[in-house]
């Protein structure tokens, strides 16, 4: 009996791992145009939660449904991110030009690091929020800021696991075929709990409606 249970768990784990590899490959493919990185990542998160974690719907269908649904908003956010990266790079380049050891150079470096940190922190909630809430871009950034401010402690493991994921891919390149999906899968355990609590506290829903929203 115990052996049968163990075998079932192994099969389930292998199935989920295979699913995470599939959506990670979809993600890599759709990230190639660069401007589609955000909608692709949104689809990665959504499908990792709904199809892999909750076993609802078809994996491929859920991924591309989320990608198409969030394409316009996601591309606009991608443009905002690209502009931000260009500005930050310009600031670093300027700091090098005037001398990083100078007061002005140090100021630009500190500002660059601070803004980069804020963008990174917001992203932990921005991309999942894009997949779960039908609001405009301004609303998404406000929601992300709200979630980040209310869950500062939960950001610590998110940041460390993200750094670990990046380092792992840098050291072992083929891991990029599973780590993106696996990271979104793990991230959802914290993020989805936060979302569910927010909806319960701020949107008029009974328990049945809340559960239906949560399972969607």
Protein backbone atom coordinates (compact mmCIF):
# COMPACT_ATOMS: atom_id res chain seq x y z
CA UNK A 1 0.00 0.00 0.00
CA UNK A 2 2.76 2.42 0.99
CA UNK A 3 4.70 1.52 -2.14
CA UNK A 4 1.65 2.25 -4.29
CA UNK A 5 1.15 5.64 -2.64
CA UNK A 6 4.83 6.44 -3.13
CA UNK A 7 4.69 5.43 -6.79
CA UNK A 8 1.63 7.64 -7.32
CA UNK A 9 3.41 10.60 -5.73
CA UNK A 10 6.44 10.03 -7.94
CA UNK A 11 4.25 9.88 -11.05
CA UNK A 12 2.42 13.07 -10.05
CA UNK A 13 5.74 14.84 -9.38
CA UNK A 14 7.17 13.74 -12.72
CA UNK A 15 4.01 14.84 -14.54
CA UNK A 16 4.14 18.28 -12.93
CA UNK A 17 7.85 18.58 -13.70
CA UNK A 18 7.15 17.74 -17.35
CA UNK A 19 4.36 20.33 -17.45
CA UNK A 20 6.69 22.95 -15.97
CA UNK A 21 9.28 22.17 -18.64
CA UNK A 22 6.66 22.56 -21.39
CA UNK A 23 5.42 25.97 -20.22
CA UNK A 24 8.98 27.13 -19.57
CA UNK A 25 9.81 26.34 -23.20
CA UNK A 26 6.67 28.20 -24.35
CA UNK A 27 7.83 31.12 -22.23
CA UNK A 28 11.33 31.12 -23.71
CA UNK A 29 9.91 31.09 -27.23
CA UNK A 30 7.48 33.95 -26.62
CA UNK A 31 10.13 36.06 -24.84
CA UNK A 32 12.25 36.26 -28.00
CA UNK A 33 10.56 39.42 -29.36
CA UNK A 34 11.52 41.09 -26.01
CA UNK A 35 8.44 43.31 -26.02
CA UNK A 36 6.35 40.24 -25.20
CA UNK A 37 8.33 39.29 -22.08
CA UNK A 38 5.66 40.54 -19.66
CA UNK A 39 2.64 38.86 -21.32
CA UNK A 40 4.71 35.68 -21.72
CA UNK A 41 5.65 35.72 -18.04
CA UNK A 42 2.03 36.40 -17.11
CA UNK A 43 0.97 33.35 -19.11
CA UNK A 44 3.72 31.32 -17.46
CA UNK A 45 2.50 32.26 -13.99
CA UNK A 46 -1.18 31.72 -14.78
CA UNK A 47 -0.72 28.31 -16.39
CA UNK A 48 1.66 27.14 -13.65
CA UNK A 49 -1.04 27.93 -11.10
CA UNK A 50 -4.17 26.79 -12.90
CA UNK A 51 -3.02 23.88 -15.05
CA UNK A 52 -0.05 22.56 -13.08
CA UNK A 53 -0.78 23.34 -9.45
CA UNK A 54 -4.57 22.96 -9.56
CA UNK A 55 -4.86 20.48 -12.45
CA UNK A 56 -7.57 22.53 -14.16
CA UNK A 57 -7.86 22.93 -17.92
CA UNK A 58 -5.45 22.03 -20.70
CA UNK A 59 -1.86 23.16 -20.11
CA UNK A 60 -1.22 24.58 -23.59
CA UNK A 61 -4.68 26.12 -23.91
CA UNK A 62 -4.42 27.87 -20.54
CA UNK A 63 -0.97 29.23 -21.34
CA UNK A 64 -1.89 30.74 -24.69
CA UNK A 65 -5.30 31.93 -23.45
CA UNK A 66 -3.57 33.94 -20.73
CA UNK A 67 -0.97 35.20 -23.21
CA UNK A 68 -3.59 36.49 -25.67
CA UNK A 69 -5.81 37.91 -22.93
CA UNK A 70 -3.00 39.97 -21.41
CA UNK A 71 -1.06 40.74 -24.58
CA UNK A 72 -1.93 44.44 -24.96
CA UNK A 73 -1.52 45.42 -21.32
CA UNK A 74 1.53 43.19 -21.02
CA UNK A 75 3.24 44.74 -24.04
CA UNK A 76 2.62 48.25 -22.69
CA UNK A 77 4.17 47.24 -19.37
CA UNK A 78 7.08 45.67 -21.29
CA UNK A 79 7.64 49.03 -23.01
CA UNK A 80 7.60 50.78 -19.61
CA UNK A 81 10.16 48.29 -18.31
CA UNK A 82 12.37 48.71 -21.38
CA UNK A 83 12.29 52.51 -21.02
CA UNK A 84 13.13 52.14 -17.33
CA UNK A 85 16.10 49.87 -18.14
CA UNK A 86 17.39 52.35 -20.74
CA UNK A 87 17.11 55.23 -18.25
CA UNK A 88 18.85 53.23 -15.51
CA UNK A 89 21.63 52.22 -17.89
CA UNK A 90 22.03 55.88 -18.89
CA UNK A 91 22.33 56.83 -15.22
CA UNK A 92 25.06 54.24 -14.67
CA UNK A 93 26.84 55.39 -17.84
CA UNK A 94 26.63 59.00 -16.64
CA UNK A 95 28.01 58.01 -13.24
CA UNK A 96 30.97 56.36 -14.94
CA UNK A 97 31.48 59.46 -17.04
CA UNK A 98 31.67 61.87 -14.10
CA UNK A 99 33.47 59.29 -11.96
CA UNK A 100 31.80 56.79 -9.66
CA UNK A 101 34.04 57.94 -6.81
CA UNK A 102 32.63 61.49 -7.01
CA UNK A 103 29.62 62.67 -5.03
CA UNK A 104 27.43 63.00 -8.15
CA UNK A 105 28.54 59.59 -9.41
CA UNK A 106 27.73 57.92 -6.09
CA UNK A 107 24.32 59.63 -6.03
CA UNK A 108 23.42 58.28 -9.46
CA UNK A 109 24.56 54.78 -8.53
CA UNK A 110 22.52 54.83 -5.32
CA UNK A 111 19.45 56.08 -7.18
CA UNK A 112 19.91 53.41 -9.86
CA UNK A 113 20.13 50.65 -7.26
CA UNK A 114 17.12 52.00 -5.35
CA UNK A 115 14.90 52.29 -8.44
CA UNK A 116 16.01 48.86 -9.68
CA UNK A 117 15.11 47.36 -6.29
CA UNK A 118 11.65 48.97 -6.36
CA UNK A 119 10.97 47.73 -9.90
CA UNK A 120 12.08 44.22 -8.96
CA UNK A 121 9.95 44.16 -5.80
CA UNK A 122 6.87 45.42 -7.66
CA UNK A 123 7.36 42.75 -10.32
CA UNK A 124 6.80 39.95 -7.82
CA UNK A 125 3.17 41.07 -7.58
CA UNK A 126 2.69 43.02 -10.83
CA UNK A 127 2.94 40.04 -13.17
CA UNK A 128 0.70 37.73 -11.07
CA UNK A 129 -1.78 40.62 -10.62
CA UNK A 130 -1.89 41.08 -14.40
CA UNK A 131 -2.98 37.45 -14.69
CA UNK A 132 -5.66 37.72 -11.99
CA UNK A 133 -7.17 41.24 -12.01
CA UNK A 134 -8.90 43.05 -14.86
CA UNK A 135 -7.69 46.61 -14.14
CA UNK A 136 -5.77 49.20 -16.13
CA UNK A 137 -1.99 49.56 -15.98
CA UNK A 138 -2.10 52.33 -13.38
CA UNK A 139 -4.32 50.13 -11.23
CA UNK A 140 -1.91 47.22 -11.61
CA UNK A 141 1.03 49.27 -10.37
CA UNK A 142 -1.03 50.56 -7.45
CA UNK A 143 -2.13 47.05 -6.55
CA UNK A 144 1.45 45.78 -6.77
CA UNK A 145 2.66 48.57 -4.51
CA UNK A 146 -0.17 47.81 -2.07
CA UNK A 147 0.62 44.08 -1.98
CA UNK A 148 4.36 44.69 -1.60
CA UNK A 149 3.87 47.21 1.22
CA UNK A 150 1.46 44.90 3.08
CA UNK A 151 3.66 41.81 2.69
CA UNK A 152 7.21 43.04 3.19
CA UNK A 153 8.34 39.95 5.10
CA UNK A 154 7.10 37.58 2.41
CA UNK A 155 9.27 39.44 -0.11
CA UNK A 156 12.43 38.14 1.59
CA UNK A 157 12.06 34.48 0.50
CA UNK A 158 10.80 35.66 -2.92
CA UNK A 159 13.97 37.68 -3.46
CA UNK A 160 16.34 34.98 -2.24
CA UNK A 161 14.68 32.23 -4.28
CA UNK A 162 14.73 34.51 -7.34
CA UNK A 163 18.44 35.15 -6.89
CA UNK A 164 19.02 31.41 -6.42
CA UNK A 165 17.06 30.69 -9.60
CA UNK A 166 19.09 33.22 -11.62
CA UNK A 167 22.37 31.86 -10.25
CA UNK A 168 21.30 28.28 -11.00
CA UNK A 169 20.47 29.14 -14.61
CA UNK A 170 23.71 31.11 -14.96
CA UNK A 171 25.75 28.15 -13.69
CA UNK A 172 23.76 25.42 -15.47
CA UNK A 173 22.17 26.91 -18.58
CA UNK A 174 19.86 23.95 -19.44
CA UNK A 175 17.98 24.58 -16.18
CA UNK A 176 16.32 27.51 -17.96
CA UNK A 177 14.04 24.84 -19.46
CA UNK A 178 12.33 24.25 -16.09
CA UNK A 179 13.29 26.91 -13.54
CA UNK A 180 11.02 29.71 -14.89
CA UNK A 181 7.93 27.53 -14.53
CA UNK A 182 9.10 26.03 -11.24
CA UNK A 183 9.76 29.48 -9.79
CA UNK A 184 6.27 30.72 -10.74
CA UNK A 185 4.79 27.54 -9.27
CA UNK A 186 6.52 28.11 -5.92
CA UNK A 187 5.84 31.85 -5.96
CA UNK A 188 2.11 31.22 -6.31
CA UNK A 189 1.86 29.68 -2.84
CA UNK A 190 2.59 33.08 -1.30
CA UNK A 191 1.06 35.35 -3.93
CA UNK A 192 -2.25 33.53 -4.38
CA UNK A 193 -2.84 33.55 -0.61
CA UNK A 194 -2.31 37.31 -0.62
CA UNK A 195 -4.68 37.77 -3.56
CA UNK A 196 -7.39 35.64 -2.00
CA UNK A 197 -7.23 37.61 1.26
CA UNK A 198 -7.37 40.90 -0.66
CA UNK A 199 -10.44 39.86 -2.65
CA UNK A 200 -12.16 38.55 0.47
CA UNK A 201 -11.53 41.82 2.37
CA UNK A 202 -12.18 44.33 -0.42
CA UNK A 203 -14.66 42.82 -2.90
CA UNK A 204 -18.19 41.79 -2.00
CA UNK A 205 -18.27 38.04 -2.55
CA UNK A 206 -19.72 35.18 -0.61
CA UNK A 207 -17.57 32.12 0.08
CA UNK A 208 -18.83 30.30 -3.02
CA UNK A 209 -18.08 33.25 -5.32
CA UNK A 210 -14.67 33.70 -3.72
CA UNK A 211 -13.81 30.06 -4.27
CA UNK A 212 -14.99 30.25 -7.89
CA UNK A 213 -12.81 33.32 -8.48
CA UNK A 214 -9.87 31.65 -6.77
CA UNK A 215 -10.16 28.48 -8.83
CA UNK A 216 -10.48 30.39 -12.14
